[in-house]
């Protein structure tokens, strides 16, 4: 028998009560929110439960919402896959702007190691307990996080391009 979304939701609600919320079906993927302090416990449960069997972390990434409430300006989004029943889920954890910190899941899924480093590198989200949380793609000397919305899209000092080629000229020639 296939794993139903109602089974997943009921099981999570029974074990974690208010730490899991906002269940929605978005494009055939059950999506829900987890309290950031409970993410490691929830993911371990999802992996180890004999019925749920979410044995693969497909992806994790960061997101920045600068116009949101300061307590929810950053999020980490996890995608998990149950290979046995071919079911996917999406988990969202929201973090405050002042100190975007969440527990690492690299000790639960080894694939999270690189993905957490990439998320730190581009968003500045701290993964507590990560074995080597440092920049992975950008230069170590970089002081900003380029995927944050306040990061400038272009270098204003560039002289090697001509805006006419990008459709950004006020000249009507």
Protein backbone atom coordinates (compact mmCIF):
# COMPACT_ATOMS: atom_id res chain seq x y z
CA UNK A 1 0.00 0.00 0.00
CA UNK A 2 1.32 3.44 -0.95
CA UNK A 3 2.29 5.95 1.69
CA UNK A 4 -0.47 8.56 1.97
CA UNK A 5 0.11 12.19 2.91
CA UNK A 6 -2.48 11.85 5.67
CA UNK A 7 -0.36 9.10 7.22
CA UNK A 8 2.73 11.31 7.14
CA UNK A 9 0.88 14.27 8.65
CA UNK A 10 -0.81 12.20 11.36
CA UNK A 11 2.46 10.53 12.34
CA UNK A 12 4.32 13.85 12.56
CA UNK A 13 1.50 15.49 14.54
CA UNK A 14 1.39 12.55 16.96
CA UNK A 15 5.14 12.66 17.62
CA UNK A 16 5.92 16.38 17.42
CA UNK A 17 2.61 18.17 18.06
CA UNK A 18 3.03 21.95 17.61
CA UNK A 19 6.63 21.67 16.32
CA UNK A 20 5.16 20.75 12.89
CA UNK A 21 2.53 22.92 11.23
CA UNK A 22 1.12 24.48 8.07
CA UNK A 23 0.69 21.26 6.07
CA UNK A 24 -0.08 21.93 2.40
CA UNK A 25 -0.08 19.93 -0.80
CA UNK A 26 1.91 21.98 -3.33
CA UNK A 27 2.42 20.45 -6.78
CA UNK A 28 1.98 16.90 -5.46
CA UNK A 29 4.53 17.42 -2.69
CA UNK A 30 3.46 17.52 0.94
CA UNK A 31 4.96 20.72 2.32
CA UNK A 32 5.07 21.67 5.98
CA UNK A 33 6.86 23.85 8.48
CA UNK A 34 9.05 22.58 11.32
CA UNK A 35 10.22 24.55 14.34
CA UNK A 36 13.92 25.16 13.61
CA UNK A 37 14.94 23.81 17.02
CA UNK A 38 13.35 20.44 16.18
CA UNK A 39 14.67 19.88 12.64
CA UNK A 40 17.26 17.22 13.54
CA UNK A 41 14.74 15.22 15.57
CA UNK A 42 12.07 15.45 12.87
CA UNK A 43 14.43 14.41 10.09
CA UNK A 44 15.80 11.50 12.12
CA UNK A 45 12.23 10.36 12.79
CA UNK A 46 11.30 10.68 9.10
CA UNK A 47 14.33 8.59 8.13
CA UNK A 48 14.08 5.90 10.83
CA UNK A 49 10.32 5.37 11.12
CA UNK A 50 9.39 1.96 9.66
CA UNK A 51 6.35 3.38 7.86
CA UNK A 52 7.68 6.73 6.65
CA UNK A 53 11.17 5.68 5.45
CA UNK A 54 12.35 9.04 4.05
CA UNK A 55 15.81 7.69 3.43
CA UNK A 56 17.20 10.31 1.06
CA UNK A 57 17.85 14.02 1.46
CA UNK A 58 17.47 15.29 -2.09
CA UNK A 59 18.31 18.92 -1.43
CA UNK A 60 18.54 21.68 1.11
CA UNK A 61 18.81 25.37 0.36
CA UNK A 62 18.44 28.78 1.91
CA UNK A 63 15.98 31.55 1.14
CA UNK A 64 15.87 35.23 2.10
CA UNK A 65 12.66 37.21 2.64
CA UNK A 66 13.81 40.73 3.63
CA UNK A 67 10.26 42.13 3.74
CA UNK A 68 8.97 39.44 6.10
CA UNK A 69 8.68 39.66 9.87
CA UNK A 70 12.23 39.88 11.35
CA UNK A 71 11.70 36.51 13.08
CA UNK A 72 11.08 34.84 9.67
CA UNK A 73 13.41 36.56 7.22
CA UNK A 74 15.46 33.47 6.41
CA UNK A 75 14.47 29.89 5.82
CA UNK A 76 16.11 26.57 5.14
CA UNK A 77 14.13 24.30 2.85
CA UNK A 78 14.71 20.53 2.84
CA UNK A 79 13.48 18.05 0.21
CA UNK A 80 13.32 14.40 1.27
CA UNK A 81 12.46 11.31 -0.74
CA UNK A 82 11.09 7.93 0.28
CA UNK A 83 12.48 5.63 -2.42
CA UNK A 84 10.38 2.65 -1.37
CA UNK A 85 7.01 4.36 -1.93
CA UNK A 86 8.34 7.08 -4.26
CA UNK A 87 7.01 9.91 -2.10
CA UNK A 88 8.62 13.32 -1.69
CA UNK A 89 8.18 15.94 1.00
CA UNK A 90 9.32 19.52 1.51
CA UNK A 91 10.19 20.91 4.94
CA UNK A 92 10.54 24.62 5.71
CA UNK A 93 12.26 26.10 8.77
CA UNK A 94 12.14 29.86 9.29
CA UNK A 95 14.96 31.74 11.03
CA UNK A 96 15.38 35.26 12.43
CA UNK A 97 17.29 37.94 10.56
CA UNK A 98 19.45 38.81 13.54
CA UNK A 99 20.96 35.35 14.06
CA UNK A 100 19.97 32.83 11.36
CA UNK A 101 21.12 29.62 13.06
CA UNK A 102 19.87 26.04 12.82
CA UNK A 103 21.22 22.61 13.79
CA UNK A 104 23.17 20.69 11.19
CA UNK A 105 21.68 17.57 9.68
CA UNK A 106 25.00 16.47 8.17
CA UNK A 107 25.27 13.85 10.92
CA UNK A 108 21.93 12.40 9.73
CA UNK A 109 22.49 12.70 5.97
CA UNK A 110 26.08 12.99 4.74
CA UNK A 111 24.89 14.75 1.59
CA UNK A 112 23.89 17.72 3.77
CA UNK A 113 27.54 18.55 4.44
CA UNK A 114 28.20 20.27 1.12
CA UNK A 115 24.69 21.70 0.86
CA UNK A 116 24.91 23.33 4.30
CA UNK A 117 28.29 24.82 3.42
CA UNK A 118 26.86 26.23 0.20
CA UNK A 119 23.87 27.69 2.08
CA UNK A 120 26.21 29.27 4.63
CA UNK A 121 28.42 30.62 1.84
CA UNK A 122 25.57 32.33 -0.01
CA UNK A 123 23.12 33.27 2.78
CA UNK A 124 25.18 33.36 5.99
CA UNK A 125 22.94 30.80 7.72
CA UNK A 126 24.88 29.11 10.52
CA UNK A 127 24.51 25.32 10.88
CA UNK A 128 25.34 24.50 14.51
CA UNK A 129 27.47 21.38 14.85
CA UNK A 130 28.59 21.28 11.23
CA UNK A 131 32.05 19.65 11.06
CA UNK A 132 33.59 22.26 8.73
CA UNK A 133 31.32 25.24 8.17
CA UNK A 134 33.32 27.55 5.94
CA UNK A 135 32.96 29.04 2.48
CA UNK A 136 32.94 26.48 -0.29
CA UNK A 137 32.47 28.43 -3.55
CA UNK A 138 33.24 32.08 -2.73
CA UNK A 139 36.53 33.51 -1.57
CA UNK A 140 37.30 33.19 2.14
CA UNK A 141 37.96 36.95 2.29
CA UNK A 142 34.42 37.77 1.20
CA UNK A 143 32.50 39.62 3.93
CA UNK A 144 29.03 39.52 2.39
CA UNK A 145 26.61 36.79 1.40
CA UNK A 146 25.72 37.18 -2.30
CA UNK A 147 22.27 35.55 -2.32
CA UNK A 148 20.90 37.93 0.29
CA UNK A 149 18.60 40.48 -1.28
CA UNK A 150 20.67 43.45 -0.11
CA UNK A 151 23.66 42.22 -2.16
CA UNK A 152 24.03 44.37 -5.31
CA UNK A 153 23.21 42.58 -8.55
CA UNK A 154 25.97 44.33 -10.49
CA UNK A 155 29.29 45.99 -9.89
CA UNK A 156 28.61 49.68 -10.54
CA UNK A 157 32.25 50.30 -11.33
CA UNK A 158 32.47 48.01 -14.34
CA UNK A 159 33.80 49.66 -17.48
CA UNK A 160 33.97 46.58 -19.71
CA UNK A 161 30.33 46.47 -20.73
CA UNK A 162 27.99 48.61 -22.71
CA UNK A 163 24.43 48.89 -21.36
CA UNK A 164 23.07 49.21 -24.90
CA UNK A 165 23.73 45.49 -25.39
CA UNK A 166 21.52 44.68 -22.40
CA UNK A 167 18.56 46.89 -23.33
CA UNK A 168 19.27 49.33 -20.51
CA UNK A 169 19.84 52.59 -22.26
CA UNK A 170 17.78 55.74 -22.16
CA UNK A 171 19.20 56.76 -25.52
CA UNK A 172 16.55 56.19 -28.22
CA UNK A 173 18.93 55.59 -31.11
